[in-house]
Amino acid sequence: MGNRILVAEDDPKQAELIRLYLEREGHAVVVVSDGRQAIDEARRRAPDLVLLDVMMPRVDGLDVCRVLRRDSDVPIIMLTARSTEDDMLLGLDLGADDYITKPFSPRELVARVRTLLRRVGRATVTEIIEIGALRIDRARHEVRLAGQPVDVTPKEFAVLATLAGEPGRVFTRRSLLEAAFGFDYDGLERTIDVHVANLRKKIEIDPAEPALLLTVYGVGYKVPDPDETT
């Protein structure tokens, strides 16, 4: 799996957008909404990288950065609406490794995260996902079942890779829509049901009794955790 990333951001919509894009990249993401929580979670979970908003309640991001840097060498990227040179230099002087001003492109953020993890030697290979006989190659955009190629559409691939990337986690239809179509997509959530039904026809032994793409009634879908299939 990917790296452990702590996101400290008090804007719920912004935090969800960041979480979505990082999880699509294969990372395990924890989101907190204030500086005190950020310090506590960083000490408890020892993340591989921290994304830290400057303007947060209880303890601001600059003070959090100062505390975290005193505790460890965890890579830190500051997120802020402040764009003056003095503000940027202050964050860097406190020990931040990078600085991104709002508004920013989520793709740029993911690229910065990837670059920083690679630079500090914490990047992990997350391109291949294997669950039983199912093999998903993110880099090649390929799906194989028992060694045989499975023809899936780009949207089906996005849905499948999202589910398989976190076995055991239940994804809502909305979160799967965002993974397949983008955060701002405003279509019907039931569109996901069509993609899941098509995927079941392609990868399940019996689509009527699925073993890989499971329905969690009233919530959404999941791929079973390996412990559930033994």
C-alpha atoms as a PDB file:
ATOM      1  CA  MET A   1       0.000   0.000   0.000  1.00  0.00           C
ATOM      2  CA  GLY A   2       0.967   3.663  -0.117  1.00  0.00           C
ATOM      3  CA  ASN A   3       2.285   6.038   2.488  1.00  0.00           C
ATOM      4  CA  ARG A   4       0.550   7.234   5.636  1.00  0.00           C
ATOM      5  CA  ILE A   5      -0.406  10.882   5.169  1.00  0.00           C
ATOM      6  CA  LEU A   6      -1.844  13.187   7.804  1.00  0.00           C
ATOM      7  CA  VAL A   7      -3.967  16.062   6.473  1.00  0.00           C
ATOM      8  CA  ALA A   8      -4.629  18.943   8.881  1.00  0.00           C
ATOM      9  CA  GLU A   9      -7.272  21.161   7.251  1.00  0.00           C
ATOM     10  CA  ASP A  10     -10.287  22.805   8.900  1.00  0.00           C
ATOM     11  CA  ASP A  11     -12.261  23.362   5.670  1.00  0.00           C
ATOM     12  CA  PRO A  12     -14.299  20.131   5.295  1.00  0.00           C
ATOM     13  CA  LYS A  13     -14.738  20.407   1.524  1.00  0.00           C
ATOM     14  CA  GLN A  14     -11.061  21.153   0.965  1.00  0.00           C
ATOM     15  CA  ALA A  15     -10.041  18.302   3.271  1.00  0.00           C
ATOM     16  CA  GLU A  16     -12.323  15.864   1.446  1.00  0.00           C
ATOM     17  CA  LEU A  17     -10.920  16.894  -1.920  1.00  0.00           C
ATOM     18  CA  ILE A  18      -7.355  16.361  -0.710  1.00  0.00           C
ATOM     19  CA  ARG A  19      -8.259  13.022   0.862  1.00  0.00           C
ATOM     20  CA  LEU A  20      -9.929  11.821  -2.326  1.00  0.00           C
ATOM     21  CA  TYR A  21      -6.986  12.594  -4.571  1.00  0.00           C
ATOM     22  CA  LEU A  22      -4.404  11.143  -2.188  1.00  0.00           C
ATOM     23  CA  GLU A  23      -6.399   7.943  -1.705  1.00  0.00           C
ATOM     24  CA  ARG A  24      -6.709   7.583  -5.468  1.00  0.00           C
ATOM     25  CA  GLU A  25      -2.910   7.700  -5.482  1.00  0.00           C
ATOM     26  CA  GLY A  26      -2.908   4.749  -3.079  1.00  0.00           C
ATOM     27  CA  HIS A  27      -2.093   6.508   0.189  1.00  0.00           C
ATOM     28  CA  ALA A  28      -3.699   5.932   3.579  1.00  0.00           C
ATOM     29  CA  VAL A  29      -5.070   9.299   4.692  1.00  0.00           C
ATOM     30  CA  VAL A  30      -6.101  10.595   8.108  1.00  0.00           C
ATOM     31  CA  VAL A  31      -7.827  14.004   8.269  1.00  0.00           C
ATOM     32  CA  VAL A  32      -7.943  16.268  11.328  1.00  0.00           C
ATOM     33  CA  SER A  33      -9.497  19.707  11.622  1.00  0.00           C
ATOM     34  CA  ASP A  34      -7.405  21.561  14.179  1.00  0.00           C
ATOM     35  CA  GLY A  35      -3.787  21.990  15.220  1.00  0.00           C
ATOM     36  CA  ARG A  36      -4.061  20.170  18.530  1.00  0.00           C
ATOM     37  CA  GLN A  37      -5.433  17.085  16.784  1.00  0.00           C
ATOM     38  CA  ALA A  38      -2.663  17.336  14.202  1.00  0.00           C
ATOM     39  CA  ILE A  39       0.030  17.179  16.891  1.00  0.00           C
ATOM     40  CA  ASP A  40      -1.674  14.297  18.704  1.00  0.00           C
ATOM     41  CA  GLU A  41      -2.233  12.273  15.524  1.00  0.00           C
ATOM     42  CA  ALA A  42       1.298  12.871  14.269  1.00  0.00           C
ATOM     43  CA  ARG A  43       2.718  11.590  17.533  1.00  0.00           C
ATOM     44  CA  ARG A  44       0.360   8.622  17.626  1.00  0.00           C
ATOM     45  CA  ARG A  45       0.538   7.488  13.991  1.00  0.00           C
ATOM     46  CA  ALA A  46       4.018   8.580  12.888  1.00  0.00           C
ATOM     47  CA  PRO A  47       2.871   9.568   9.365  1.00  0.00           C
ATOM     48  CA  ASP A  48       5.165   9.506   6.345  1.00  0.00           C
ATOM     49  CA  LEU A  49       4.097  13.041   5.371  1.00  0.00           C
ATOM     50  CA  VAL A  50       1.995  15.868   6.814  1.00  0.00           C
ATOM     51  CA  LEU A  51      -0.116  18.352   4.841  1.00  0.00           C
ATOM     52  CA  LEU A  52      -0.609  21.285   7.166  1.00  0.00           C
ATOM     53  CA  ASP A  53      -2.981  24.228   6.740  1.00  0.00           C
ATOM     54  CA  VAL A  54      -1.597  27.408   8.287  1.00  0.00           C
ATOM     55  CA  MET A  55      -4.908  28.885   9.492  1.00  0.00           C
ATOM     56  CA  MET A  56      -6.418  26.364  11.914  1.00  0.00           C
ATOM     57  CA  PRO A  57      -8.267  26.628  15.240  1.00  0.00           C
ATOM     58  CA  ARG A  58      -6.709  25.884  18.657  1.00  0.00           C
ATOM     59  CA  VAL A  59      -3.119  25.720  17.392  1.00  0.00           C
ATOM     60  CA  ASP A  60      -2.193  27.317  14.071  1.00  0.00           C
ATOM     61  CA  GLY A  61      -0.216  25.486  11.414  1.00  0.00           C
ATOM     62  CA  LEU A  62       3.014  27.371  12.009  1.00  0.00           C
ATOM     63  CA  ASP A  63       3.082  26.353  15.661  1.00  0.00           C
ATOM     64  CA  VAL A  64       2.187  22.780  14.689  1.00  0.00           C
ATOM     65  CA  CYS A  65       5.080  22.791  12.229  1.00  0.00           C
ATOM     66  CA  ARG A  66       7.429  24.021  14.949  1.00  0.00           C
ATOM     67  CA  VAL A  67       6.318  21.232  17.332  1.00  0.00           C
ATOM     68  CA  LEU A  68       6.444  18.474  14.717  1.00  0.00           C
ATOM     69  CA  ARG A  69       9.865  19.497  13.538  1.00  0.00           C
ATOM     70  CA  ARG A  70      11.119  19.393  17.102  1.00  0.00           C
ATOM     71  CA  ASP A  71       9.752  15.845  17.427  1.00  0.00           C
ATOM     72  CA  SER A  72      10.782  14.338  14.079  1.00  0.00           C
ATOM     73  CA  ASP A  73      11.971  14.835  10.523  1.00  0.00           C
ATOM     74  CA  VAL A  74       8.578  13.988   8.974  1.00  0.00           C
ATOM     75  CA  PRO A  75       8.152  15.770   5.598  1.00  0.00           C
ATOM     76  CA  ILE A  76       5.761  18.731   5.926  1.00  0.00           C
ATOM     77  CA  ILE A  77       3.926  20.627   3.184  1.00  0.00           C
ATOM     78  CA  MET A  78       2.251  23.852   4.298  1.00  0.00           C
ATOM     79  CA  LEU A  79      -1.091  24.853   2.754  1.00  0.00           C
ATOM     80  CA  THR A  80      -2.134  28.478   3.023  1.00  0.00           C
ATOM     81  CA  ALA A  81      -3.999  31.369   1.440  1.00  0.00           C
ATOM     82  CA  ARG A  82      -1.080  33.622   2.407  1.00  0.00           C
ATOM     83  CA  SER A  83       1.108  34.116  -0.628  1.00  0.00           C
ATOM     84  CA  THR A  84       3.617  36.776   0.383  1.00  0.00           C
ATOM     85  CA  GLU A  85       7.303  35.928   0.326  1.00  0.00           C
ATOM     86  CA  ASP A  86       7.648  36.626   4.064  1.00  0.00           C
ATOM     87  CA  ASP A  87       4.886  34.138   4.898  1.00  0.00           C
ATOM     88  CA  MET A  88       6.454  31.468   2.709  1.00  0.00           C
ATOM     89  CA  LEU A  89       9.913  32.018   4.198  1.00  0.00           C
ATOM     90  CA  LEU A  90       8.523  31.859   7.737  1.00  0.00           C
ATOM     91  CA  GLY A  91       7.000  28.430   7.096  1.00  0.00           C
ATOM     92  CA  LEU A  92      10.184  27.156   5.505  1.00  0.00           C
ATOM     93  CA  ASP A  93      12.314  28.599   8.301  1.00  0.00           C
ATOM     94  CA  LEU A  94      10.201  26.673  10.818  1.00  0.00           C
ATOM     95  CA  GLY A  95      11.077  23.436   9.045  1.00  0.00           C
ATOM     96  CA  ALA A  96       8.432  22.954   6.354  1.00  0.00           C
ATOM     97  CA  ASP A  97       9.739  21.165   3.266  1.00  0.00           C
ATOM     98  CA  ASP A  98       7.353  22.752   0.770  1.00  0.00           C
ATOM     99  CA  TYR A  99       4.702  25.452   0.577  1.00  0.00           C
ATOM    100  CA  ILE A 100       1.538  25.506  -1.566  1.00  0.00           C
ATOM    101  CA  THR A 101      -0.727  28.538  -1.779  1.00  0.00           C
ATOM    102  CA  LYS A 102      -4.507  28.319  -2.131  1.00  0.00           C
ATOM    103  CA  PRO A 103      -6.294  27.873  -4.408  1.00  0.00           C
ATOM    104  CA  PHE A 104      -4.255  25.018  -5.809  1.00  0.00           C
ATOM    105  CA  SER A 105      -4.768  22.203  -8.274  1.00  0.00           C
ATOM    106  CA  PRO A 106      -5.283  18.824  -6.538  1.00  0.00           C
ATOM    107  CA  ARG A 107      -3.121  17.272  -9.246  1.00  0.00           C
ATOM    108  CA  GLU A 108      -0.329  19.693  -8.435  1.00  0.00           C
ATOM    109  CA  LEU A 109      -0.673  18.797  -4.757  1.00  0.00           C
ATOM    110  CA  VAL A 110      -0.427  15.073  -5.519  1.00  0.00           C
ATOM    111  CA  ALA A 111       2.621  15.718  -7.701  1.00  0.00           C
ATOM    112  CA  ARG A 112       4.290  17.737  -4.931  1.00  0.00           C
ATOM    113  CA  VAL A 113       3.566  14.952  -2.437  1.00  0.00           C
ATOM    114  CA  ARG A 114       5.006  12.351  -4.806  1.00  0.00           C
ATOM    115  CA  THR A 115       8.111  14.430  -5.421  1.00  0.00           C
ATOM    116  CA  LEU A 116       8.743  15.112  -1.743  1.00  0.00           C
ATOM    117  CA  LEU A 117       8.269  11.463  -0.741  1.00  0.00           C
ATOM    118  CA  ARG A 118      10.665  10.420  -3.478  1.00  0.00           C
ATOM    119  CA  ARG A 119      13.181  13.038  -2.379  1.00  0.00           C
ATOM    120  CA  VAL A 120      13.193  11.881   1.240  1.00  0.00           C
ATOM    121  CA  GLY A 121      13.200   8.214   0.253  1.00  0.00           C
ATOM    122  CA  ARG A 122       9.738   7.356   1.568  1.00  0.00           C
ATOM    123  CA  ALA A 123       7.981   6.694  -1.720  1.00  0.00           C
ATOM    124  CA  THR A 124       6.462   3.251  -2.048  1.00  0.00           C
ATOM    125  CA  VAL A 125       5.368   1.287  -5.073  1.00  0.00           C
ATOM    126  CA  THR A 126       1.564   1.264  -5.176  1.00  0.00           C
ATOM    127  CA  GLU A 127       0.927   0.546  -8.851  1.00  0.00           C
ATOM    128  CA  ILE A 128       0.043  -3.140  -8.417  1.00  0.00           C
ATOM    129  CA  ILE A 129      -2.995  -4.292  -6.437  1.00  0.00           C
ATOM    130  CA  GLU A 130      -3.552  -8.024  -6.031  1.00  0.00           C
ATOM    131  CA  ILE A 131      -6.579  -9.635  -4.394  1.00  0.00           C
ATOM    132  CA  GLY A 132      -6.704 -13.368  -4.925  1.00  0.00           C
ATOM    133  CA  ALA A 133      -6.638 -14.027  -8.663  1.00  0.00           C
ATOM    134  CA  LEU A 134      -7.421 -10.380  -9.439  1.00  0.00           C
ATOM    135  CA  ARG A 135      -4.468  -8.169 -10.421  1.00  0.00           C
ATOM    136  CA  ILE A 136      -4.835  -4.432 -11.066  1.00  0.00           C
ATOM    137  CA  ASP A 137      -1.921  -2.517 -12.570  1.00  0.00           C
ATOM    138  CA  ARG A 138      -2.445   1.228 -12.058  1.00  0.00           C
ATOM    139  CA  ALA A 139       0.551   2.245 -14.152  1.00  0.00           C
ATOM    140  CA  ARG A 140      -0.454   0.143 -17.161  1.00  0.00           C
ATOM    141  CA  HIS A 141      -4.181   0.641 -16.567  1.00  0.00           C
ATOM    142  CA  GLU A 142      -4.649  -3.131 -16.876  1.00  0.00           C
ATOM    143  CA  VAL A 143      -6.802  -5.679 -15.097  1.00  0.00           C
ATOM    144  CA  ARG A 144      -6.076  -9.414 -15.126  1.00  0.00           C
ATOM    145  CA  LEU A 145      -8.038 -12.280 -13.645  1.00  0.00           C
ATOM    146  CA  ALA A 146      -6.157 -15.557 -13.188  1.00  0.00           C
ATOM    147  CA  GLY A 147      -3.561 -14.189 -15.591  1.00  0.00           C
ATOM    148  CA  GLN A 148      -6.064 -13.385 -18.324  1.00  0.00           C
ATOM    149  CA  PRO A 149      -6.640  -9.765 -19.417  1.00  0.00           C
ATOM    150  CA  VAL A 150     -10.005  -8.213 -18.565  1.00  0.00           C
ATOM    151  CA  ASP A 151     -11.340  -5.498 -20.863  1.00  0.00           C
ATOM    152  CA  VAL A 152     -12.610  -2.632 -18.692  1.00  0.00           C
ATOM    153  CA  THR A 153     -13.512   0.956 -19.525  1.00  0.00           C
ATOM    154  CA  PRO A 154     -11.585   3.853 -17.916  1.00  0.00           C
ATOM    155  CA  LYS A 155     -14.504   4.556 -15.564  1.00  0.00           C
ATOM    156  CA  GLU A 156     -14.784   0.889 -14.594  1.00  0.00           C
ATOM    157  CA  PHE A 157     -11.049   0.804 -13.951  1.00  0.00           C
ATOM    158  CA  ALA A 158     -11.251   3.862 -11.689  1.00  0.00           C
ATOM    159  CA  VAL A 159     -14.093   2.328  -9.675  1.00  0.00           C
ATOM    160  CA  LEU A 160     -12.370  -1.046  -9.380  1.00  0.00           C
ATOM    161  CA  ALA A 161      -8.958   0.408  -8.459  1.00  0.00           C
ATOM    162  CA  THR A 162     -10.557   2.640  -5.828  1.00  0.00           C
ATOM    163  CA  LEU A 163     -12.376  -0.263  -4.176  1.00  0.00           C
ATOM    164  CA  ALA A 164      -9.476  -2.701  -4.427  1.00  0.00           C
ATOM    165  CA  GLY A 165      -7.008  -0.117  -3.143  1.00  0.00           C
ATOM    166  CA  GLU A 166      -8.567  -0.324   0.333  1.00  0.00           C
ATOM    167  CA  PRO A 167      -9.952  -3.823   0.956  1.00  0.00           C
ATOM    168  CA  GLY A 168     -12.557  -3.865   3.692  1.00  0.00           C
ATOM    169  CA  ARG A 169     -13.403  -0.177   3.409  1.00  0.00           C
ATOM    170  CA  VAL A 170     -16.974   0.639   2.399  1.00  0.00           C
ATOM    171  CA  PHE A 171     -17.184   3.340  -0.280  1.00  0.00           C
ATOM    172  CA  THR A 172     -20.343   5.348  -0.810  1.00  0.00           C
ATOM    173  CA  ARG A 173     -21.641   5.796  -4.339  1.00  0.00           C
ATOM    174  CA  ARG A 174     -20.729   9.475  -4.119  1.00  0.00           C
ATOM    175  CA  SER A 175     -17.084   8.772  -3.253  1.00  0.00           C
ATOM    176  CA  LEU A 176     -16.870   6.254  -6.111  1.00  0.00           C
ATOM    177  CA  LEU A 177     -18.414   8.798  -8.479  1.00  0.00           C
ATOM    178  CA  GLU A 178     -15.767  11.304  -7.459  1.00  0.00           C
ATOM    179  CA  ALA A 179     -13.023   8.749  -8.051  1.00  0.00           C
ATOM    180  CA  ALA A 180     -14.312   7.850 -11.522  1.00  0.00           C
ATOM    181  CA  PHE A 181     -15.628  11.183 -12.780  1.00  0.00           C
ATOM    182  CA  GLY A 182     -13.928  13.845 -10.661  1.00  0.00           C
ATOM    183  CA  PHE A 183     -14.837  15.801  -7.553  1.00  0.00           C
ATOM    184  CA  ASP A 184     -17.145  18.245  -9.316  1.00  0.00           C
ATOM    185  CA  TYR A 185     -19.218  15.634 -11.170  1.00  0.00           C
ATOM    186  CA  ASP A 186     -22.887  16.228 -10.495  1.00  0.00           C
ATOM    187  CA  GLY A 187     -24.442  13.145 -12.095  1.00  0.00           C
ATOM    188  CA  LEU A 188     -26.668  10.490 -10.561  1.00  0.00           C
ATOM    189  CA  GLU A 189     -25.054   8.312  -7.924  1.00  0.00           C
ATOM    190  CA  ARG A 190     -26.862   5.295  -9.379  1.00  0.00           C
ATOM    191  CA  THR A 191     -24.470   5.532 -12.319  1.00  0.00           C
ATOM    192  CA  ILE A 192     -22.054   3.633 -10.069  1.00  0.00           C
ATOM    193  CA  ASP A 193     -24.490   0.717  -9.863  1.00  0.00           C
ATOM    194  CA  VAL A 194     -24.225   0.301 -13.632  1.00  0.00           C
ATOM    195  CA  HIS A 195     -20.414   0.266 -13.530  1.00  0.00           C
ATOM    196  CA  VAL A 196     -20.379  -2.236 -10.659  1.00  0.00           C
ATOM    197  CA  ALA A 197     -22.857  -4.479 -12.470  1.00  0.00           C
ATOM    198  CA  ASN A 198     -20.681  -4.417 -15.594  1.00  0.00           C
ATOM    199  CA  LEU A 199     -17.550  -5.153 -13.582  1.00  0.00           C
ATOM    200  CA  ARG A 200     -19.229  -8.102 -11.889  1.00  0.00           C
ATOM    201  CA  LYS A 201     -20.010  -9.611 -15.283  1.00  0.00           C
ATOM    202  CA  LYS A 202     -16.313  -9.368 -16.146  1.00  0.00           C
ATOM    203  CA  ILE A 203     -14.566 -10.499 -12.951  1.00  0.00           C
ATOM    204  CA  GLU A 204     -17.033 -12.525 -10.874  1.00  0.00           C
ATOM    205  CA  ILE A 205     -17.513 -16.271 -11.289  1.00  0.00           C
ATOM    206  CA  ASP A 206     -21.204 -15.748 -10.577  1.00  0.00           C
ATOM    207  CA  PRO A 207     -22.274 -12.078 -10.973  1.00  0.00           C
ATOM    208  CA  ALA A 208     -25.503 -12.866  -9.111  1.00  0.00           C
ATOM    209  CA  GLU A 209     -23.474 -14.026  -6.087  1.00  0.00           C
ATOM    210  CA  PRO A 210     -20.463 -11.674  -6.106  1.00  0.00           C
ATOM    211  CA  ALA A 211     -17.390 -12.550  -4.059  1.00  0.00           C
ATOM    212  CA  LEU A 212     -15.190  -9.572  -4.975  1.00  0.00           C
ATOM    213  CA  LEU A 213     -17.459  -6.557  -5.430  1.00  0.00           C
ATOM    214  CA  LEU A 214     -19.766  -6.663  -2.442  1.00  0.00           C
ATOM    215  CA  THR A 215     -22.842  -4.539  -1.831  1.00  0.00           C
ATOM    216  CA  VAL A 216     -23.190  -2.968   1.608  1.00  0.00           C
ATOM    217  CA  TYR A 217     -26.884  -2.220   1.647  1.00  0.00           C
ATOM    218  CA  GLY A 218     -27.805   1.343   2.405  1.00  0.00           C
ATOM    219  CA  VAL A 219     -24.184   2.496   2.121  1.00  0.00           C
ATOM    220  CA  GLY A 220     -22.325   1.468  -1.042  1.00  0.00           C
ATOM    221  CA  TYR A 221     -19.738  -1.105  -2.088  1.00  0.00           C
ATOM    222  CA  LYS A 222     -16.522  -2.721  -0.925  1.00  0.00           C
ATOM    223  CA  VAL A 223     -13.922  -5.309  -1.805  1.00  0.00           C
ATOM    224  CA  PRO A 224     -13.591  -7.775   1.089  1.00  0.00           C
ATOM    225  CA  ASP A 225     -10.604  -7.654   3.354  1.00  0.00           C
ATOM    226  CA  PRO A 226      -8.404 -10.761   2.837  1.00  0.00           C
ATOM    227  CA  ASP A 227      -9.300 -11.897   6.367  1.00  0.00           C
ATOM    228  CA  GLU A 228     -12.954 -12.026   5.308  1.00  0.00           C
ATOM    229  CA  THR A 229     -12.244 -14.412   2.424  1.00  0.00           C
ATOM    230  CA  THR A 230     -10.289 -17.006   4.391  1.00  0.00           C
END
